[in-house]
Amino acid sequence: MTAPPTHDTPDIVIAATLWLMHRYQQTHCARIARMIEQHLGWMRARTHNPRLADACQRLSYEWNVVSAHTPQPATLH
């Protein structure tokens, strides 16, 4: 019997962040936005890893673009 494959935590966080961003674009859910911020914060705290620092920089840029293009809810006057 073979051992189950191991997963690299940074890879999982990066993939999850990308999935959350895609989901946020569909739903504009504030809860998902908070989770994205948490994932980016987790990556920022580990910038000693060059691969993770690069991914964090790219994902932060993408998140800024995605969140800037979020339609704002209508306000009642």
PDB file of N, CA and C in Angstrom:
ATOM      1  N   MET A   1       0.848  -1.172   0.000  1.00  0.00           N
ATOM      2  CA  MET A   1       0.000   0.000   0.000  1.00  0.00           C
ATOM      3  C   MET A   1       0.897   1.241   0.000  1.00  0.00           C
ATOM      4  N   THR A   2       0.560   2.196  -0.835  1.00  0.00           N
ATOM      5  CA  THR A   2       1.373   3.403  -0.901  1.00  0.00           C
ATOM      6  C   THR A   2       0.823   4.462   0.045  1.00  0.00           C
ATOM      7  N   ALA A   3       1.718   5.291   0.487  1.00  0.00           N
ATOM      8  CA  ALA A   3       1.323   6.385   1.384  1.00  0.00           C
ATOM      9  C   ALA A   3       0.581   7.449   0.578  1.00  0.00           C
ATOM     10  N   PRO A   4      -0.383   8.116   1.217  1.00  0.00           N
ATOM     11  CA  PRO A   4      -1.076   9.194   0.500  1.00  0.00           C
ATOM     12  C   PRO A   4      -0.099  10.321   0.192  1.00  0.00           C
ATOM     13  N   PRO A   5      -0.336  11.025  -0.910  1.00  0.00           N
ATOM     14  CA  PRO A   5       0.593  12.117  -1.243  1.00  0.00           C
ATOM     15  C   PRO A   5       0.543  13.218  -0.187  1.00  0.00           C
ATOM     16  N   THR A   6       1.702  13.798   0.070  1.00  0.00           N
ATOM     17  CA  THR A   6       1.740  14.908   1.019  1.00  0.00           C
ATOM     18  C   THR A   6       1.475  16.197   0.259  1.00  0.00           C
ATOM     19  N   HIS A   7       0.943  17.153   0.942  1.00  0.00           N
ATOM     20  CA  HIS A   7       0.633  18.433   0.327  1.00  0.00           C
ATOM     21  C   HIS A   7       1.497  19.500   0.963  1.00  0.00           C
ATOM     22  N   ASP A   8       1.937  20.406   0.137  1.00  0.00           N
ATOM     23  CA  ASP A   8       2.736  21.525   0.605  1.00  0.00           C
ATOM     24  C   ASP A   8       1.776  22.638   1.018  1.00  0.00           C
ATOM     25  N   THR A   9       1.811  23.043   2.266  1.00  0.00           N
ATOM     26  CA  THR A   9       0.874  24.045   2.785  1.00  0.00           C
ATOM     27  C   THR A   9       0.863  25.326   1.955  1.00  0.00           C
ATOM     28  N   PRO A  10       2.023  25.900   1.572  1.00  0.00           N
ATOM     29  CA  PRO A  10       1.958  27.106   0.740  1.00  0.00           C
ATOM     30  C   PRO A  10       1.194  26.882  -0.569  1.00  0.00           C
ATOM     31  N   ASP A  11       1.392  25.735  -1.197  1.00  0.00           N
ATOM     32  CA  ASP A  11       0.662  25.442  -2.432  1.00  0.00           C
ATOM     33  C   ASP A  11      -0.840  25.403  -2.196  1.00  0.00           C
ATOM     34  N   ILE A  12      -1.236  24.839  -1.073  1.00  0.00           N
ATOM     35  CA  ILE A  12      -2.661  24.760  -0.740  1.00  0.00           C
ATOM     36  C   ILE A  12      -3.226  26.156  -0.506  1.00  0.00           C
ATOM     37  N   VAL A  13      -2.500  26.991   0.227  1.00  0.00           N
ATOM     38  CA  VAL A  13      -2.972  28.351   0.513  1.00  0.00           C
ATOM     39  C   VAL A  13      -3.059  29.163  -0.778  1.00  0.00           C
ATOM     40  N   ILE A  14      -2.085  29.037  -1.656  1.00  0.00           N
ATOM     41  CA  ILE A  14      -2.102  29.756  -2.929  1.00  0.00           C
ATOM     42  C   ILE A  14      -3.299  29.314  -3.765  1.00  0.00           C
ATOM     43  N   ALA A  15      -3.493  28.004  -3.891  1.00  0.00           N
ATOM     44  CA  ALA A  15      -4.620  27.490  -4.675  1.00  0.00           C
ATOM     45  C   ALA A  15      -5.956  27.915  -4.066  1.00  0.00           C
ATOM     46  N   ALA A  16      -6.053  27.866  -2.754  1.00  0.00           N
ATOM     47  CA  ALA A  16      -7.295  28.264  -2.087  1.00  0.00           C
ATOM     48  C   ALA A  16      -7.566  29.751  -2.287  1.00  0.00           C
ATOM     49  N   THR A  17      -6.520  30.569  -2.239  1.00  0.00           N
ATOM     50  CA  THR A  17      -6.692  32.006  -2.441  1.00  0.00           C
ATOM     51  C   THR A  17      -7.178  32.297  -3.853  1.00  0.00           C
ATOM     52  N   LEU A  18      -6.607  31.621  -4.834  1.00  0.00           N
ATOM     53  CA  LEU A  18      -7.066  31.796  -6.217  1.00  0.00           C
ATOM     54  C   LEU A  18      -8.526  31.390  -6.363  1.00  0.00           C
ATOM     55  N   TRP A  19      -8.894  30.268  -5.737  1.00  0.00           N
ATOM     56  CA  TRP A  19     -10.286  29.806  -5.800  1.00  0.00           C
ATOM     57  C   TRP A  19     -11.218  30.813  -5.122  1.00  0.00           C
ATOM     58  N   LEU A  20     -10.799  31.321  -3.964  1.00  0.00           N
ATOM     59  CA  LEU A  20     -11.611  32.308  -3.254  1.00  0.00           C
ATOM     60  C   LEU A  20     -11.792  33.576  -4.081  1.00  0.00           C
ATOM     61  N   MET A  21     -10.744  34.010  -4.768  1.00  0.00           N
ATOM     62  CA  MET A  21     -10.864  35.206  -5.607  1.00  0.00           C
ATOM     63  C   MET A  21     -11.872  34.973  -6.735  1.00  0.00           C
ATOM     64  N   HIS A  22     -11.787  33.803  -7.342  1.00  0.00           N
ATOM     65  CA  HIS A  22     -12.749  33.462  -8.397  1.00  0.00           C
ATOM     66  C   HIS A  22     -14.167  33.454  -7.833  1.00  0.00           C
ATOM     67  N   ARG A  23     -14.327  32.863  -6.681  1.00  0.00           N
ATOM     68  CA  ARG A  23     -15.648  32.799  -6.052  1.00  0.00           C
ATOM     69  C   ARG A  23     -16.147  34.199  -5.670  1.00  0.00           C
ATOM     70  N   TYR A  24     -15.239  35.031  -5.188  1.00  0.00           N
ATOM     71  CA  TYR A  24     -15.609  36.398  -4.821  1.00  0.00           C
ATOM     72  C   TYR A  24     -16.113  37.164  -6.043  1.00  0.00           C
ATOM     73  N   GLN A  25     -15.469  36.958  -7.186  1.00  0.00           N
ATOM     74  CA  GLN A  25     -15.908  37.631  -8.410  1.00  0.00           C
ATOM     75  C   GLN A  25     -17.343  37.240  -8.758  1.00  0.00           C
ATOM     76  N   GLN A  26     -17.740  36.033  -8.404  1.00  0.00           N
ATOM     77  CA  GLN A  26     -19.092  35.564  -8.694  1.00  0.00           C
ATOM     78  C   GLN A  26     -20.108  36.069  -7.681  1.00  0.00           C
ATOM     79  N   THR A  27     -19.700  36.183  -6.425  1.00  0.00           N
ATOM     80  CA  THR A  27     -20.668  36.443  -5.355  1.00  0.00           C
ATOM     81  C   THR A  27     -20.545  37.809  -4.687  1.00  0.00           C
ATOM     82  N   HIS A  28     -19.351  38.386  -4.685  1.00  0.00           N
ATOM     83  CA  HIS A  28     -19.061  39.642  -3.977  1.00  0.00           C
ATOM     84  C   HIS A  28     -19.406  39.527  -2.495  1.00  0.00           C
ATOM     85  N   CYS A  29     -19.163  38.364  -1.945  1.00  0.00           N
ATOM     86  CA  CYS A  29     -19.476  38.067  -0.548  1.00  0.00           C
ATOM     87  C   CYS A  29     -18.384  38.636   0.375  1.00  0.00           C
ATOM     88  N   ALA A  30     -18.801  39.398   1.369  1.00  0.00           N
ATOM     89  CA  ALA A  30     -17.860  40.007   2.311  1.00  0.00           C
ATOM     90  C   ALA A  30     -17.098  38.944   3.109  1.00  0.00           C
ATOM     91  N   ARG A  31     -17.724  37.838   3.411  1.00  0.00           N
ATOM     92  CA  ARG A  31     -17.061  36.765   4.164  1.00  0.00           C
ATOM     93  C   ARG A  31     -15.892  36.187   3.356  1.00  0.00           C
ATOM     94  N   ILE A  32     -16.099  36.015   2.053  1.00  0.00           N
ATOM     95  CA  ILE A  32     -15.033  35.503   1.195  1.00  0.00           C
ATOM     96  C   ILE A  32     -13.908  36.532   1.108  1.00  0.00           C
ATOM     97  N   ALA A  33     -14.261  37.807   1.029  1.00  0.00           N
ATOM     98  CA  ALA A  33     -13.244  38.864   0.999  1.00  0.00           C
ATOM     99  C   ALA A  33     -12.371  38.796   2.251  1.00  0.00           C
ATOM    100  N   ARG A  34     -12.981  38.574   3.407  1.00  0.00           N
ATOM    101  CA  ARG A  34     -12.210  38.453   4.656  1.00  0.00           C
ATOM    102  C   ARG A  34     -11.287  37.239   4.608  1.00  0.00           C
ATOM    103  N   MET A  35     -11.759  36.138   4.054  1.00  0.00           N
ATOM    104  CA  MET A  35     -10.911  34.942   3.960  1.00  0.00           C
ATOM    105  C   MET A  35      -9.714  35.202   3.042  1.00  0.00           C
ATOM    106  N   ILE A  36      -9.937  35.925   1.941  1.00  0.00           N
ATOM    107  CA  ILE A  36      -8.834  36.266   1.042  1.00  0.00           C
ATOM    108  C   ILE A  36      -7.804  37.094   1.786  1.00  0.00           C
ATOM    109  N   GLU A  37      -8.267  38.086   2.538  1.00  0.00           N
ATOM    110  CA  GLU A  37      -7.353  38.922   3.326  1.00  0.00           C
ATOM    111  C   GLU A  37      -6.573  38.078   4.331  1.00  0.00           C
ATOM    112  N   GLN A  38      -7.224  37.097   4.944  1.00  0.00           N
ATOM    113  CA  GLN A  38      -6.538  36.216   5.892  1.00  0.00           C
ATOM    114  C   GLN A  38      -5.458  35.396   5.191  1.00  0.00           C
ATOM    115  N   HIS A  39      -5.766  34.873   4.024  1.00  0.00           N
ATOM    116  CA  HIS A  39      -4.787  34.080   3.274  1.00  0.00           C
ATOM    117  C   HIS A  39      -3.598  34.946   2.885  1.00  0.00           C
ATOM    118  N   LEU A  40      -3.871  36.157   2.402  1.00  0.00           N
ATOM    119  CA  LEU A  40      -2.770  37.052   2.028  1.00  0.00           C
ATOM    120  C   LEU A  40      -1.939  37.424   3.246  1.00  0.00           C
ATOM    121  N   GLY A  41      -2.580  37.628   4.377  1.00  0.00           N
ATOM    122  CA  GLY A  41      -1.851  37.907   5.615  1.00  0.00           C
ATOM    123  C   GLY A  41      -0.967  36.745   6.025  1.00  0.00           C
ATOM    124  N   TRP A  42      -1.472  35.520   5.877  1.00  0.00           N
ATOM    125  CA  TRP A  42      -0.687  34.329   6.197  1.00  0.00           C
ATOM    126  C   TRP A  42       0.552  34.276   5.314  1.00  0.00           C
ATOM    127  N   MET A  43       0.375  34.585   4.033  1.00  0.00           N
ATOM    128  CA  MET A  43       1.517  34.568   3.116  1.00  0.00           C
ATOM    129  C   MET A  43       2.504  35.683   3.439  1.00  0.00           C
ATOM    130  N   ARG A  44       2.001  36.882   3.755  1.00  0.00           N
ATOM    131  CA  ARG A  44       2.885  38.007   4.092  1.00  0.00           C
ATOM    132  C   ARG A  44       3.750  37.677   5.313  1.00  0.00           C
ATOM    133  N   ALA A  45       3.187  36.937   6.238  1.00  0.00           N
ATOM    134  CA  ALA A  45       3.929  36.581   7.456  1.00  0.00           C
ATOM    135  C   ALA A  45       5.056  35.581   7.170  1.00  0.00           C
ATOM    136  N   ARG A  46       5.048  35.000   5.981  1.00  0.00           N
ATOM    137  CA  ARG A  46       6.055  33.994   5.629  1.00  0.00           C
ATOM    138  C   ARG A  46       6.876  34.417   4.419  1.00  0.00           C
ATOM    139  N   THR A  47       7.145  35.710   4.307  1.00  0.00           N
ATOM    140  CA  THR A  47       7.865  36.216   3.137  1.00  0.00           C
ATOM    141  C   THR A  47       9.332  35.803   3.107  1.00  0.00           C
ATOM    142  N   HIS A  48       9.809  35.126   4.134  1.00  0.00           N
ATOM    143  CA  HIS A  48      11.171  34.609   4.100  1.00  0.00           C
ATOM    144  C   HIS A  48      11.312  33.510   3.047  1.00  0.00           C
ATOM    145  N   ASN A  49      10.181  32.931   2.643  1.00  0.00           N
ATOM    146  CA  ASN A  49      10.166  31.927   1.570  1.00  0.00           C
ATOM    147  C   ASN A  49      10.007  32.682   0.249  1.00  0.00           C
ATOM    148  N   PRO A  50      11.026  32.690  -0.624  1.00  0.00           N
ATOM    149  CA  PRO A  50      10.971  33.494  -1.848  1.00  0.00           C
ATOM    150  C   PRO A  50       9.777  33.144  -2.754  1.00  0.00           C
ATOM    151  N   ARG A  51       9.464  31.876  -2.857  1.00  0.00           N
ATOM    152  CA  ARG A  51       8.339  31.461  -3.708  1.00  0.00           C
ATOM    153  C   ARG A  51       7.029  31.995  -3.155  1.00  0.00           C
ATOM    154  N   LEU A  52       6.882  31.940  -1.859  1.00  0.00           N
ATOM    155  CA  LEU A  52       5.671  32.429  -1.209  1.00  0.00           C
ATOM    156  C   LEU A  52       5.588  33.954  -1.271  1.00  0.00           C
ATOM    157  N   ALA A  53       6.716  34.624  -1.129  1.00  0.00           N
ATOM    158  CA  ALA A  53       6.740  36.081  -1.226  1.00  0.00           C
ATOM    159  C   ALA A  53       6.316  36.532  -2.620  1.00  0.00           C
ATOM    160  N   ASP A  54       6.791  35.833  -3.645  1.00  0.00           N
ATOM    161  CA  ASP A  54       6.419  36.162  -5.022  1.00  0.00           C
ATOM    162  C   ASP A  54       4.927  35.916  -5.248  1.00  0.00           C
ATOM    163  N   ALA A  55       4.436  34.782  -4.763  1.00  0.00           N
ATOM    164  CA  ALA A  55       3.008  34.476  -4.912  1.00  0.00           C
ATOM    165  C   ALA A  55       2.160  35.502  -4.178  1.00  0.00           C
ATOM    166  N   CYS A  56       2.583  35.909  -3.005  1.00  0.00           N
ATOM    167  CA  CYS A  56       1.844  36.898  -2.227  1.00  0.00           C
ATOM    168  C   CYS A  56       1.781  38.226  -2.966  1.00  0.00           C
ATOM    169  N   GLN A  57       2.880  38.624  -3.565  1.00  0.00           N
ATOM    170  CA  GLN A  57       2.923  39.879  -4.306  1.00  0.00           C
ATOM    171  C   GLN A  57       1.955  39.824  -5.499  1.00  0.00           C
ATOM    172  N   ARG A  58       2.001  38.724  -6.256  1.00  0.00           N
ATOM    173  CA  ARG A  58       1.114  38.589  -7.417  1.00  0.00           C
ATOM    174  C   ARG A  58      -0.347  38.528  -7.000  1.00  0.00           C
ATOM    175  N   LEU A  59      -0.648  37.742  -5.963  1.00  0.00           N
ATOM    176  CA  LEU A  59      -2.030  37.605  -5.512  1.00  0.00           C
ATOM    177  C   LEU A  59      -2.553  38.901  -4.901  1.00  0.00           C
ATOM    178  N   SER A  60      -1.702  39.631  -4.212  1.00  0.00           N
ATOM    179  CA  SER A  60      -2.128  40.918  -3.647  1.00  0.00           C
ATOM    180  C   SER A  60      -2.490  41.884  -4.764  1.00  0.00           C
ATOM    181  N   TYR A  61      -1.686  41.899  -5.820  1.00  0.00           N
ATOM    182  CA  TYR A  61      -1.992  42.748  -6.967  1.00  0.00           C
ATOM    183  C   TYR A  61      -3.334  42.340  -7.587  1.00  0.00           C
ATOM    184  N   GLU A  62      -3.509  41.036  -7.811  1.00  0.00           N
ATOM    185  CA  GLU A  62      -4.765  40.543  -8.390  1.00  0.00           C
ATOM    186  C   GLU A  62      -5.953  40.884  -7.492  1.00  0.00           C
ATOM    187  N   TRP A  63      -5.770  40.749  -6.186  1.00  0.00           N
ATOM    188  CA  TRP A  63      -6.853  41.041  -5.253  1.00  0.00           C
ATOM    189  C   TRP A  63      -7.222  42.521  -5.309  1.00  0.00           C
ATOM    190  N   ASN A  64      -6.231  43.384  -5.407  1.00  0.00           N
ATOM    191  CA  ASN A  64      -6.512  44.816  -5.520  1.00  0.00           C
ATOM    192  C   ASN A  64      -7.321  45.120  -6.776  1.00  0.00           C
ATOM    193  N   VAL A  65      -6.999  44.464  -7.875  1.00  0.00           N
ATOM    194  CA  VAL A  65      -7.736  44.663  -9.122  1.00  0.00           C
ATOM    195  C   VAL A  65      -9.160  44.130  -8.989  1.00  0.00           C
ATOM    196  N   VAL A  66      -9.290  42.915  -8.471  1.00  0.00           N
ATOM    197  CA  VAL A  66     -10.613  42.293  -8.324  1.00  0.00           C
ATOM    198  C   VAL A  66     -11.487  43.096  -7.375  1.00  0.00           C
ATOM    199  N   SER A  67     -10.957  43.467  -6.229  1.00  0.00           N
ATOM    200  CA  SER A  67     -11.778  44.162  -5.238  1.00  0.00           C
ATOM    201  C   SER A  67     -12.117  45.587  -5.673  1.00  0.00           C
ATOM    202  N   ALA A  68     -11.271  46.195  -6.492  1.00  0.00           N
ATOM    203  CA  ALA A  68     -11.551  47.548  -6.985  1.00  0.00           C
ATOM    204  C   ALA A  68     -12.697  47.542  -7.997  1.00  0.00           C
ATOM    205  N   HIS A  69     -12.917  46.419  -8.654  1.00  0.00           N
ATOM    206  CA  HIS A  69     -13.965  46.327  -9.667  1.00  0.00           C
ATOM    207  C   HIS A  69     -15.241  45.680  -9.128  1.00  0.00           C
ATOM    208  N   THR A  70     -15.376  45.665  -7.827  1.00  0.00           N
ATOM    209  CA  THR A  70     -16.573  45.101  -7.209  1.00  0.00           C
ATOM    210  C   THR A  70     -17.690  46.122  -7.251  1.00  0.00           C
ATOM    211  N   PRO A  71     -18.836  45.746  -7.791  1.00  0.00           N
ATOM    212  CA  PRO A  71     -19.951  46.700  -7.783  1.00  0.00           C
ATOM    213  C   PRO A  71     -20.369  47.020  -6.353  1.00  0.00           C
ATOM    214  N   GLN A  72     -20.576  48.275  -6.095  1.00  0.00           N
ATOM    215  CA  GLN A  72     -20.999  48.712  -4.754  1.00  0.00           C
ATOM    216  C   GLN A  72     -22.508  48.562  -4.645  1.00  0.00           C
ATOM    217  N   PRO A  73     -22.976  48.151  -3.481  1.00  0.00           N
ATOM    218  CA  PRO A  73     -24.423  48.045  -3.302  1.00  0.00           C
ATOM    219  C   PRO A  73     -25.093  49.417  -3.415  1.00  0.00           C
ATOM    220  N   ALA A  74     -26.295  49.425  -3.917  1.00  0.00           N
ATOM    221  CA  ALA A  74     -27.039  50.680  -4.071  1.00  0.00           C
ATOM    222  C   ALA A  74     -27.342  51.249  -2.689  1.00  0.00           C
ATOM    223  N   THR A  75     -27.261  52.556  -2.590  1.00  0.00           N
ATOM    224  CA  THR A  75     -27.600  53.201  -1.323  1.00  0.00           C
ATOM    225  C   THR A  75     -28.973  53.858  -1.460  1.00  0.00           C
ATOM    226  N   LEU A  76     -29.699  53.827  -0.387  1.00  0.00           N
ATOM    227  CA  LEU A  76     -31.011  54.446  -0.373  1.00  0.00           C
ATOM    228  C   LEU A  76     -30.894  55.859   0.160  1.00  0.00           C
ATOM    229  N   HIS A  77     -31.556  56.788  -0.472  1.00  0.00           N
ATOM    230  CA  HIS A  77     -31.495  58.196  -0.029  1.00  0.00           C
ATOM    231  C   HIS A  77     -32.774  58.556   0.677  1.00  0.00           C
TER     232      HIS A  77
END
